[in-house]
Amino acid sequence: MLHRTVAPMTTDSDPDRPASWPHLLSVALGAPAADLHRHLAGALRSRACTGTLRESGRWARGRRVPWDPLAAGLRALGARCDCEALELLSRDCSC
């Protein structure tokens, strides 16, 4: 007999809408989200984006944040590089 799994209910009428994703990232990272935002903003003011998550990785290593899950999460949210990660964080950051 096959059992079908039912997705849990949510209070968000549209949980897949893009505006929800930055909030999810902020909740997952907590206070470090604002720190990552500040780091990326400063780094990208002084040099151009390299098209990679290099500065995000540098930030993660310096704070002992596990890089693989963070990189996978940023990419899943559409951030393929540091400037896209900064844009993503800027949407819901109260920095």
PDB file of N, CA and C in Angstrom:
ATOM      1  N   MET A   1       0.841  -1.173   0.000  1.00  0.00           N
ATOM      2  CA  MET A   1       0.000   0.000   0.000  1.00  0.00           C
ATOM      3  C   MET A   1       0.891   1.243   0.000  1.00  0.00           C
ATOM      4  N   LEU A   2       0.601   2.172  -0.859  1.00  0.00           N
ATOM      5  CA  LEU A   2       1.359   3.416  -0.939  1.00  0.00           C
ATOM      6  C   LEU A   2       0.716   4.486  -0.079  1.00  0.00           C
ATOM      7  N   HIS A   3       1.546   5.223   0.611  1.00  0.00           N
ATOM      8  CA  HIS A   3       1.057   6.341   1.416  1.00  0.00           C
ATOM      9  C   HIS A   3       1.532   7.628   0.776  1.00  0.00           C
ATOM     10  N   ARG A   4       0.672   8.568   0.696  1.00  0.00           N
ATOM     11  CA  ARG A   4       1.024   9.848   0.107  1.00  0.00           C
ATOM     12  C   ARG A   4       1.365  10.835   1.214  1.00  0.00           C
ATOM     13  N   THR A   5       2.476  11.524   1.036  1.00  0.00           N
ATOM     14  CA  THR A   5       2.895  12.526   2.004  1.00  0.00           C
ATOM     15  C   THR A   5       2.237  13.851   1.661  1.00  0.00           C
ATOM     16  N   VAL A   6       1.686  14.480   2.663  1.00  0.00           N
ATOM     17  CA  VAL A   6       1.021  15.767   2.473  1.00  0.00           C
ATOM     18  C   VAL A   6       1.927  16.858   3.013  1.00  0.00           C
ATOM     19  N   ALA A   7       2.104  17.894   2.225  1.00  0.00           N
ATOM     20  CA  ALA A   7       2.943  19.017   2.658  1.00  0.00           C
ATOM     21  C   ALA A   7       2.275  19.733   3.822  1.00  0.00           C
ATOM     22  N   PRO A   8       3.071  20.205   4.780  1.00  0.00           N
ATOM     23  CA  PRO A   8       2.497  20.931   5.915  1.00  0.00           C
ATOM     24  C   PRO A   8       1.869  22.248   5.470  1.00  0.00           C
ATOM     25  N   MET A   9       0.885  22.687   6.219  1.00  0.00           N
ATOM     26  CA  MET A   9       0.219  23.957   5.926  1.00  0.00           C
ATOM     27  C   MET A   9       1.125  25.109   6.327  1.00  0.00           C
ATOM     28  N   THR A  10       0.957  26.206   5.673  1.00  0.00           N
ATOM     29  CA  THR A  10       1.731  27.401   5.982  1.00  0.00           C
ATOM     30  C   THR A  10       0.790  28.587   6.073  1.00  0.00           C
ATOM     31  N   THR A  11       1.189  29.592   6.828  1.00  0.00           N
ATOM     32  CA  THR A  11       0.350  30.785   6.928  1.00  0.00           C
ATOM     33  C   THR A  11       0.616  31.740   5.782  1.00  0.00           C
ATOM     34  N   ASP A  12       1.713  31.541   5.055  1.00  0.00           N
ATOM     35  CA  ASP A  12       2.027  32.389   3.908  1.00  0.00           C
ATOM     36  C   ASP A  12       1.185  31.922   2.731  1.00  0.00           C
ATOM     37  N   SER A  13       0.411  32.814   2.153  1.00  0.00           N
ATOM     38  CA  SER A  13      -0.460  32.433   1.046  1.00  0.00           C
ATOM     39  C   SER A  13       0.333  32.020  -0.189  1.00  0.00           C
ATOM     40  N   ASP A  14       1.562  32.489  -0.317  1.00  0.00           N
ATOM     41  CA  ASP A  14       2.413  32.133  -1.447  1.00  0.00           C
ATOM     42  C   ASP A  14       3.841  31.924  -0.946  1.00  0.00           C
ATOM     43  N   PRO A  15       4.148  30.765  -0.376  1.00  0.00           N
ATOM     44  CA  PRO A  15       5.469  30.554   0.228  1.00  0.00           C
ATOM     45  C   PRO A  15       6.612  30.573  -0.768  1.00  0.00           C
ATOM     46  N   ASP A  16       6.330  30.435  -2.059  1.00  0.00           N
ATOM     47  CA  ASP A  16       7.385  30.431  -3.068  1.00  0.00           C
ATOM     48  C   ASP A  16       7.684  31.802  -3.649  1.00  0.00           C
ATOM     49  N   ARG A  17       6.992  32.813  -3.213  1.00  0.00           N
ATOM     50  CA  ARG A  17       7.239  34.133  -3.796  1.00  0.00           C
ATOM     51  C   ARG A  17       8.647  34.596  -3.437  1.00  0.00           C
ATOM     52  N   PRO A  18       9.325  35.252  -4.360  1.00  0.00           N
ATOM     53  CA  PRO A  18      10.716  35.642  -4.149  1.00  0.00           C
ATOM     54  C   PRO A  18      10.950  36.500  -2.916  1.00  0.00           C
ATOM     55  N   ALA A  19      10.011  37.335  -2.535  1.00  0.00           N
ATOM     56  CA  ALA A  19      10.214  38.221  -1.384  1.00  0.00           C
ATOM     57  C   ALA A  19      10.401  37.431  -0.091  1.00  0.00           C
ATOM     58  N   SER A  20       9.932  36.198  -0.037  1.00  0.00           N
ATOM     59  CA  SER A  20      10.072  35.386   1.170  1.00  0.00           C
ATOM     60  C   SER A  20      11.481  34.839   1.343  1.00  0.00           C
ATOM     61  N   TRP A  21      12.220  34.667   0.265  1.00  0.00           N
ATOM     62  CA  TRP A  21      13.534  34.032   0.337  1.00  0.00           C
ATOM     63  C   TRP A  21      14.557  34.823   1.128  1.00  0.00           C
ATOM     64  N   PRO A  22      14.698  36.124   0.922  1.00  0.00           N
ATOM     65  CA  PRO A  22      15.684  36.857   1.732  1.00  0.00           C
ATOM     66  C   PRO A  22      15.363  36.778   3.219  1.00  0.00           C
ATOM     67  N   HIS A  23      14.089  36.798   3.547  1.00  0.00           N
ATOM     68  CA  HIS A  23      13.692  36.677   4.950  1.00  0.00           C
ATOM     69  C   HIS A  23      14.126  35.321   5.494  1.00  0.00           C
ATOM     70  N   LEU A  24      13.941  34.275   4.708  1.00  0.00           N
ATOM     71  CA  LEU A  24      14.352  32.935   5.114  1.00  0.00           C
ATOM     72  C   LEU A  24      15.855  32.896   5.362  1.00  0.00           C
ATOM     73  N   LEU A  25      16.634  33.523   4.492  1.00  0.00           N
ATOM     74  CA  LEU A  25      18.086  33.553   4.676  1.00  0.00           C
ATOM     75  C   LEU A  25      18.452  34.290   5.953  1.00  0.00           C
ATOM     76  N   SER A  26      17.792  35.405   6.217  1.00  0.00           N
ATOM     77  CA  SER A  26      18.069  36.159   7.443  1.00  0.00           C
ATOM     78  C   SER A  26      17.716  35.354   8.683  1.00  0.00           C
ATOM     79  N   VAL A  27      16.627  34.619   8.622  1.00  0.00           N
ATOM     80  CA  VAL A  27      16.224  33.785   9.758  1.00  0.00           C
ATOM     81  C   VAL A  27      17.227  32.654   9.952  1.00  0.00           C
ATOM     82  N   ALA A  28      17.666  32.044   8.858  1.00  0.00           N
ATOM     83  CA  ALA A  28      18.607  30.927   8.950  1.00  0.00           C
ATOM     84  C   ALA A  28      19.963  31.371   9.490  1.00  0.00           C
ATOM     85  N   LEU A  29      20.446  32.518   9.037  1.00  0.00           N
ATOM     86  CA  LEU A  29      21.746  33.006   9.488  1.00  0.00           C
ATOM     87  C   LEU A  29      21.656  33.796  10.783  1.00  0.00           C
ATOM     88  N   GLY A  30      20.511  34.393  11.050  1.00  0.00           N
ATOM     89  CA  GLY A  30      20.372  35.232  12.238  1.00  0.00           C
ATOM     90  C   GLY A  30      21.203  36.498  12.108  1.00  0.00           C
ATOM     91  N   ALA A  31      21.798  36.933  13.202  1.00  0.00           N
ATOM     92  CA  ALA A  31      22.594  38.159  13.209  1.00  0.00           C
ATOM     93  C   ALA A  31      23.719  38.142  12.183  1.00  0.00           C
ATOM     94  N   PRO A  32      24.343  36.980  11.886  1.00  0.00           N
ATOM     95  CA  PRO A  32      25.407  37.002  10.886  1.00  0.00           C
ATOM     96  C   PRO A  32      24.969  37.480   9.503  1.00  0.00           C
ATOM     97  N   ALA A  33      23.677  37.453   9.197  1.00  0.00           N
ATOM     98  CA  ALA A  33      23.224  37.943   7.892  1.00  0.00           C
ATOM     99  C   ALA A  33      23.578  39.410   7.727  1.00  0.00           C
ATOM    100  N   ALA A  34      23.395  40.212   8.760  1.00  0.00           N
ATOM    101  CA  ALA A  34      23.745  41.634   8.691  1.00  0.00           C
ATOM    102  C   ALA A  34      25.254  41.801   8.572  1.00  0.00           C
ATOM    103  N   ASP A  35      26.011  40.935   9.241  1.00  0.00           N
ATOM    104  CA  ASP A  35      27.468  40.988   9.160  1.00  0.00           C
ATOM    105  C   ASP A  35      27.945  40.628   7.752  1.00  0.00           C
ATOM    106  N   LEU A  36      27.354  39.601   7.149  1.00  0.00           N
ATOM    107  CA  LEU A  36      27.692  39.230   5.775  1.00  0.00           C
ATOM    108  C   LEU A  36      27.339  40.369   4.825  1.00  0.00           C
ATOM    109  N   HIS A  37      26.189  40.989   5.042  1.00  0.00           N
ATOM    110  CA  HIS A  37      25.773  42.130   4.218  1.00  0.00           C
ATOM    111  C   HIS A  37      26.818  43.242   4.284  1.00  0.00           C
ATOM    112  N   ARG A  38      27.242  43.604   5.494  1.00  0.00           N
ATOM    113  CA  ARG A  38      28.252  44.664   5.655  1.00  0.00           C
ATOM    114  C   ARG A  38      29.574  44.286   4.993  1.00  0.00           C
ATOM    115  N   HIS A  39      29.978  43.032   5.160  1.00  0.00           N
ATOM    116  CA  HIS A  39      31.234  42.571   4.563  1.00  0.00           C
ATOM    117  C   HIS A  39      31.179  42.678   3.040  1.00  0.00           C
ATOM    118  N   LEU A  40      30.103  42.174   2.446  1.00  0.00           N
ATOM    119  CA  LEU A  40      29.985  42.206   0.991  1.00  0.00           C
ATOM    120  C   LEU A  40      29.889  43.632   0.472  1.00  0.00           C
ATOM    121  N   ALA A  41      29.133  44.474   1.167  1.00  0.00           N
ATOM    122  CA  ALA A  41      29.002  45.873   0.733  1.00  0.00           C
ATOM    123  C   ALA A  41      30.365  46.555   0.735  1.00  0.00           C
ATOM    124  N   GLY A  42      31.145  46.350   1.780  1.00  0.00           N
ATOM    125  CA  GLY A  42      32.470  46.953   1.856  1.00  0.00           C
ATOM    126  C   GLY A  42      33.417  46.404   0.805  1.00  0.00           C
ATOM    127  N   ALA A  43      33.408  45.096   0.631  1.00  0.00           N
ATOM    128  CA  ALA A  43      34.301  44.463  -0.343  1.00  0.00           C
ATOM    129  C   ALA A  43      33.969  44.903  -1.760  1.00  0.00           C
ATOM    130  N   LEU A  44      32.684  44.989  -2.072  1.00  0.00           N
ATOM    131  CA  LEU A  44      32.291  45.345  -3.435  1.00  0.00           C
ATOM    132  C   LEU A  44      32.405  46.842  -3.706  1.00  0.00           C
ATOM    133  N   ARG A  45      32.531  47.650  -2.656  1.00  0.00           N
ATOM    134  CA  ARG A  45      32.820  49.076  -2.852  1.00  0.00           C
ATOM    135  C   ARG A  45      34.266  49.267  -3.298  1.00  0.00           C
ATOM    136  N   SER A  46      35.153  48.417  -2.782  1.00  0.00           N
ATOM    137  CA  SER A  46      36.572  48.597  -3.068  1.00  0.00           C
ATOM    138  C   SER A  46      37.056  47.824  -4.298  1.00  0.00           C
ATOM    139  N   ARG A  47      36.316  46.815  -4.733  1.00  0.00           N
ATOM    140  CA  ARG A  47      36.712  46.077  -5.939  1.00  0.00           C
ATOM    141  C   ARG A  47      35.475  45.462  -6.591  1.00  0.00           C
ATOM    142  N   ALA A  48      35.588  45.219  -7.876  1.00  0.00           N
ATOM    143  CA  ALA A  48      34.463  44.693  -8.651  1.00  0.00           C
ATOM    144  C   ALA A  48      34.181  43.235  -8.290  1.00  0.00           C
ATOM    145  N   CYS A  49      32.959  42.839  -8.502  1.00  0.00           N
ATOM    146  CA  CYS A  49      32.557  41.448  -8.292  1.00  0.00           C
ATOM    147  C   CYS A  49      33.324  40.569  -9.284  1.00  0.00           C
ATOM    148  N   THR A  50      33.775  39.423  -8.817  1.00  0.00           N
ATOM    149  CA  THR A  50      34.535  38.495  -9.659  1.00  0.00           C
ATOM    150  C   THR A  50      33.641  37.475 -10.358  1.00  0.00           C
ATOM    151  N   GLY A  51      32.333  37.565 -10.123  1.00  0.00           N
ATOM    152  CA  GLY A  51      31.426  36.586 -10.704  1.00  0.00           C
ATOM    153  C   GLY A  51      31.401  35.284  -9.921  1.00  0.00           C
ATOM    154  N   THR A  52      31.965  35.322  -8.713  1.00  0.00           N
ATOM    155  CA  THR A  52      32.006  34.141  -7.845  1.00  0.00           C
ATOM    156  C   THR A  52      31.522  34.543  -6.452  1.00  0.00           C
ATOM    157  N   LEU A  53      31.469  33.586  -5.567  1.00  0.00           N
ATOM    158  CA  LEU A  53      31.126  33.844  -4.168  1.00  0.00           C
ATOM    159  C   LEU A  53      32.400  33.929  -3.317  1.00  0.00           C
ATOM    160  N   ARG A  54      33.470  34.466  -3.900  1.00  0.00           N
ATOM    161  CA  ARG A  54      34.768  34.521  -3.220  1.00  0.00           C
ATOM    162  C   ARG A  54      34.703  35.282  -1.897  1.00  0.00           C
ATOM    163  N   GLU A  55      34.133  36.480  -1.910  1.00  0.00           N
ATOM    164  CA  GLU A  55      34.067  37.281  -0.675  1.00  0.00           C
ATOM    165  C   GLU A  55      33.137  36.651   0.354  1.00  0.00           C
ATOM    166  N   SER A  56      32.068  36.038  -0.105  1.00  0.00           N
ATOM    167  CA  SER A  56      31.171  35.331   0.820  1.00  0.00           C
ATOM    168  C   SER A  56      31.922  34.189   1.492  1.00  0.00           C
ATOM    169  N   GLY A  57      32.736  33.476   0.718  1.00  0.00           N
ATOM    170  CA  GLY A  57      33.545  32.392   1.269  1.00  0.00           C
ATOM    171  C   GLY A  57      34.589  32.896   2.250  1.00  0.00           C
ATOM    172  N   ARG A  58      35.203  34.022   1.908  1.00  0.00           N
ATOM    173  CA  ARG A  58      36.191  34.627   2.811  1.00  0.00           C
ATOM    174  C   ARG A  58      35.523  35.003   4.134  1.00  0.00           C
ATOM    175  N   TRP A  59      34.326  35.586   4.049  1.00  0.00           N
ATOM    176  CA  TRP A  59      33.570  35.952   5.254  1.00  0.00           C
ATOM    177  C   TRP A  59      33.267  34.699   6.083  1.00  0.00           C
ATOM    178  N   ALA A  60      32.796  33.646   5.417  1.00  0.00           N
ATOM    179  CA  ALA A  60      32.417  32.414   6.126  1.00  0.00           C
ATOM    180  C   ALA A  60      33.625  31.784   6.828  1.00  0.00           C
ATOM    181  N   ARG A  61      34.749  31.710   6.141  1.00  0.00           N
ATOM    182  CA  ARG A  61      35.951  31.119   6.757  1.00  0.00           C
ATOM    183  C   ARG A  61      36.389  31.906   7.982  1.00  0.00           C
ATOM    184  N   GLY A  62      36.333  33.225   7.885  1.00  0.00           N
ATOM    185  CA  GLY A  62      36.754  34.064   9.002  1.00  0.00           C
ATOM    186  C   GLY A  62      35.870  33.943  10.227  1.00  0.00           C
ATOM    187  N   ARG A  63      34.653  33.487  10.040  1.00  0.00           N
ATOM    188  CA  ARG A  63      33.712  33.376  11.160  1.00  0.00           C
ATOM    189  C   ARG A  63      33.340  31.929  11.470  1.00  0.00           C
ATOM    190  N   ARG A  64      34.016  31.012  10.807  1.00  0.00           N
ATOM    191  CA  ARG A  64      33.780  29.578  10.990  1.00  0.00           C
ATOM    192  C   ARG A  64      32.335  29.173  10.699  1.00  0.00           C
ATOM    193  N   VAL A  65      31.750  29.827   9.707  1.00  0.00           N
ATOM    194  CA  VAL A  65      30.420  29.455   9.224  1.00  0.00           C
ATOM    195  C   VAL A  65      30.636  28.349   8.192  1.00  0.00           C
ATOM    196  N   PRO A  66      29.955  27.208   8.316  1.00  0.00           N
ATOM    197  CA  PRO A  66      30.135  26.125   7.348  1.00  0.00           C
ATOM    198  C   PRO A  66      29.855  26.604   5.921  1.00  0.00           C
ATOM    199  N   TRP A  67      30.871  26.518   5.069  1.00  0.00           N
ATOM    200  CA  TRP A  67      30.777  27.100   3.738  1.00  0.00           C
ATOM    201  C   TRP A  67      29.850  26.334   2.804  1.00  0.00           C
ATOM    202  N   ASP A  68      29.946  25.017   2.753  1.00  0.00           N
ATOM    203  CA  ASP A  68      29.147  24.266   1.787  1.00  0.00           C
ATOM    204  C   ASP A  68      27.648  24.521   1.932  1.00  0.00           C
ATOM    205  N   PRO A  69      27.084  24.454   3.147  1.00  0.00           N
ATOM    206  CA  PRO A  69      25.648  24.745   3.266  1.00  0.00           C
ATOM    207  C   PRO A  69      25.308  26.200   2.925  1.00  0.00           C
ATOM    208  N   LEU A  70      26.183  27.136   3.311  1.00  0.00           N
ATOM    209  CA  LEU A  70      25.913  28.545   2.998  1.00  0.00           C
ATOM    210  C   LEU A  70      25.952  28.769   1.496  1.00  0.00           C
ATOM    211  N   ALA A  71      26.974  28.248   0.826  1.00  0.00           N
ATOM    212  CA  ALA A  71      27.083  28.411  -0.628  1.00  0.00           C
ATOM    213  C   ALA A  71      25.895  27.771  -1.337  1.00  0.00           C
ATOM    214  N   ALA A  72      25.521  26.578  -0.907  1.00  0.00           N
ATOM    215  CA  ALA A  72      24.376  25.900  -1.521  1.00  0.00           C
ATOM    216  C   ALA A  72      23.097  26.700  -1.310  1.00  0.00           C
ATOM    217  N   GLY A  73      22.930  27.254  -0.112  1.00  0.00           N
ATOM    218  CA  GLY A  73      21.743  28.064   0.168  1.00  0.00           C
ATOM    219  C   GLY A  73      21.705  29.331  -0.664  1.00  0.00           C
ATOM    220  N   LEU A  74      22.836  30.018  -0.767  1.00  0.00           N
ATOM    221  CA  LEU A  74      22.885  31.240  -1.581  1.00  0.00           C
ATOM    222  C   LEU A  74      22.574  30.920  -3.039  1.00  0.00           C
ATOM    223  N   ARG A  75      23.163  29.853  -3.549  1.00  0.00           N
ATOM    224  CA  ARG A  75      22.910  29.478  -4.953  1.00  0.00           C
ATOM    225  C   ARG A  75      21.447  29.079  -5.158  1.00  0.00           C
ATOM    226  N   ALA A  76      20.883  28.360  -4.191  1.00  0.00           N
ATOM    227  CA  ALA A  76      19.478  27.955  -4.303  1.00  0.00           C
ATOM    228  C   ALA A  76      18.556  29.164  -4.323  1.00  0.00           C
ATOM    229  N   LEU A  77      18.988  30.243  -3.682  1.00  0.00           N
ATOM    230  CA  LEU A  77      18.189  31.468  -3.649  1.00  0.00           C
ATOM    231  C   LEU A  77      18.482  32.372  -4.839  1.00  0.00           C
ATOM    232  N   GLY A  78      19.370  31.933  -5.733  1.00  0.00           N
ATOM    233  CA  GLY A  78      19.636  32.680  -6.953  1.00  0.00           C
ATOM    234  C   GLY A  78      20.899  33.511  -6.941  1.00  0.00           C
ATOM    235  N   ALA A  79      21.698  33.420  -5.891  1.00  0.00           N
ATOM    236  CA  ALA A  79      22.934  34.208  -5.812  1.00  0.00           C
ATOM    237  C   ALA A  79      24.095  33.370  -6.328  1.00  0.00           C
ATOM    238  N   ARG A  80      24.565  33.699  -7.525  1.00  0.00           N
ATOM    239  CA  ARG A  80      25.688  32.962  -8.109  1.00  0.00           C
ATOM    240  C   ARG A  80      27.015  33.670  -7.890  1.00  0.00           C
ATOM    241  N   CYS A  81      26.945  34.886  -7.353  1.00  0.00           N
ATOM    242  CA  CYS A  81      28.166  35.661  -7.118  1.00  0.00           C
ATOM    243  C   CYS A  81      27.919  36.604  -5.937  1.00  0.00           C
ATOM    244  N   ASP A  82      28.994  37.285  -5.523  1.00  0.00           N
ATOM    245  CA  ASP A  82      28.890  38.155  -4.351  1.00  0.00           C
ATOM    246  C   ASP A  82      27.918  39.314  -4.549  1.00  0.00           C
ATOM    247  N   CYS A  83      27.875  39.902  -5.747  1.00  0.00           N
ATOM    248  CA  CYS A  83      26.955  41.036  -5.921  1.00  0.00           C
ATOM    249  C   CYS A  83      25.499  40.569  -5.887  1.00  0.00           C
ATOM    250  N   GLU A  84      25.238  39.357  -6.376  1.00  0.00           N
ATOM    251  CA  GLU A  84      23.879  38.817  -6.276  1.00  0.00           C
ATOM    252  C   GLU A  84      23.548  38.437  -4.835  1.00  0.00           C
ATOM    253  N   ALA A  85      24.538  37.950  -4.088  1.00  0.00           N
ATOM    254  CA  ALA A  85      24.320  37.650  -2.668  1.00  0.00           C
ATOM    255  C   ALA A  85      24.014  38.934  -1.907  1.00  0.00           C
ATOM    256  N   LEU A  86      24.741  40.011  -2.224  1.00  0.00           N
ATOM    257  CA  LEU A  86      24.487  41.301  -1.575  1.00  0.00           C
ATOM    258  C   LEU A  86      23.084  41.799  -1.906  1.00  0.00           C
ATOM    259  N   GLU A  87      22.692  41.679  -3.154  1.00  0.00           N
ATOM    260  CA  GLU A  87      21.341  42.097  -3.544  1.00  0.00           C
ATOM    261  C   GLU A  87      20.290  41.287  -2.791  1.00  0.00           C
ATOM    262  N   LEU A  88      20.507  40.002  -2.687  1.00  0.00           N
ATOM    263  CA  LEU A  88      19.580  39.124  -1.969  1.00  0.00           C
ATOM    264  C   LEU A  88      19.469  39.530  -0.507  1.00  0.00           C
ATOM    265  N   LEU A  89      20.598  39.758   0.135  1.00  0.00           N
ATOM    266  CA  LEU A  89      20.594  40.161   1.542  1.00  0.00           C
ATOM    267  C   LEU A  89      19.999  41.548   1.731  1.00  0.00           C
ATOM    268  N   SER A  90      20.163  42.423   0.766  1.00  0.00           N
ATOM    269  CA  SER A  90      19.653  43.794   0.877  1.00  0.00           C
ATOM    270  C   SER A  90      18.139  43.852   0.882  1.00  0.00           C
ATOM    271  N   ARG A  91      17.493  42.864   0.304  1.00  0.00           N
ATOM    272  CA  ARG A  91      16.031  42.872   0.221  1.00  0.00           C
ATOM    273  C   ARG A  91      15.363  42.819   1.584  1.00  0.00           C
ATOM    274  N   ASP A  92      16.009  42.176   2.553  1.00  0.00           N
ATOM    275  CA  ASP A  92      15.353  42.003   3.848  1.00  0.00           C
ATOM    276  C   ASP A  92      16.298  42.287   5.010  1.00  0.00           C
ATOM    277  N   CYS A  93      17.317  43.087   4.760  1.00  0.00           N
ATOM    278  CA  CYS A  93      18.300  43.359   5.806  1.00  0.00           C
ATOM    279  C   CYS A  93      17.974  44.687   6.479  1.00  0.00           C
ATOM    280  N   SER A  94      17.973  44.684   7.785  1.00  0.00           N
ATOM    281  CA  SER A  94      17.750  45.931   8.519  1.00  0.00           C
ATOM    282  C   SER A  94      19.095  46.457   9.019  1.00  0.00           C
ATOM    283  N   CYS A  95      20.080  46.434   8.141  1.00  0.00           N
ATOM    284  CA  CYS A  95      21.451  46.843   8.494  1.00  0.00           C
ATOM    285  C   CYS A  95      21.567  48.354   8.587  1.00  0.00           C
TER     286      CYS A  95
END
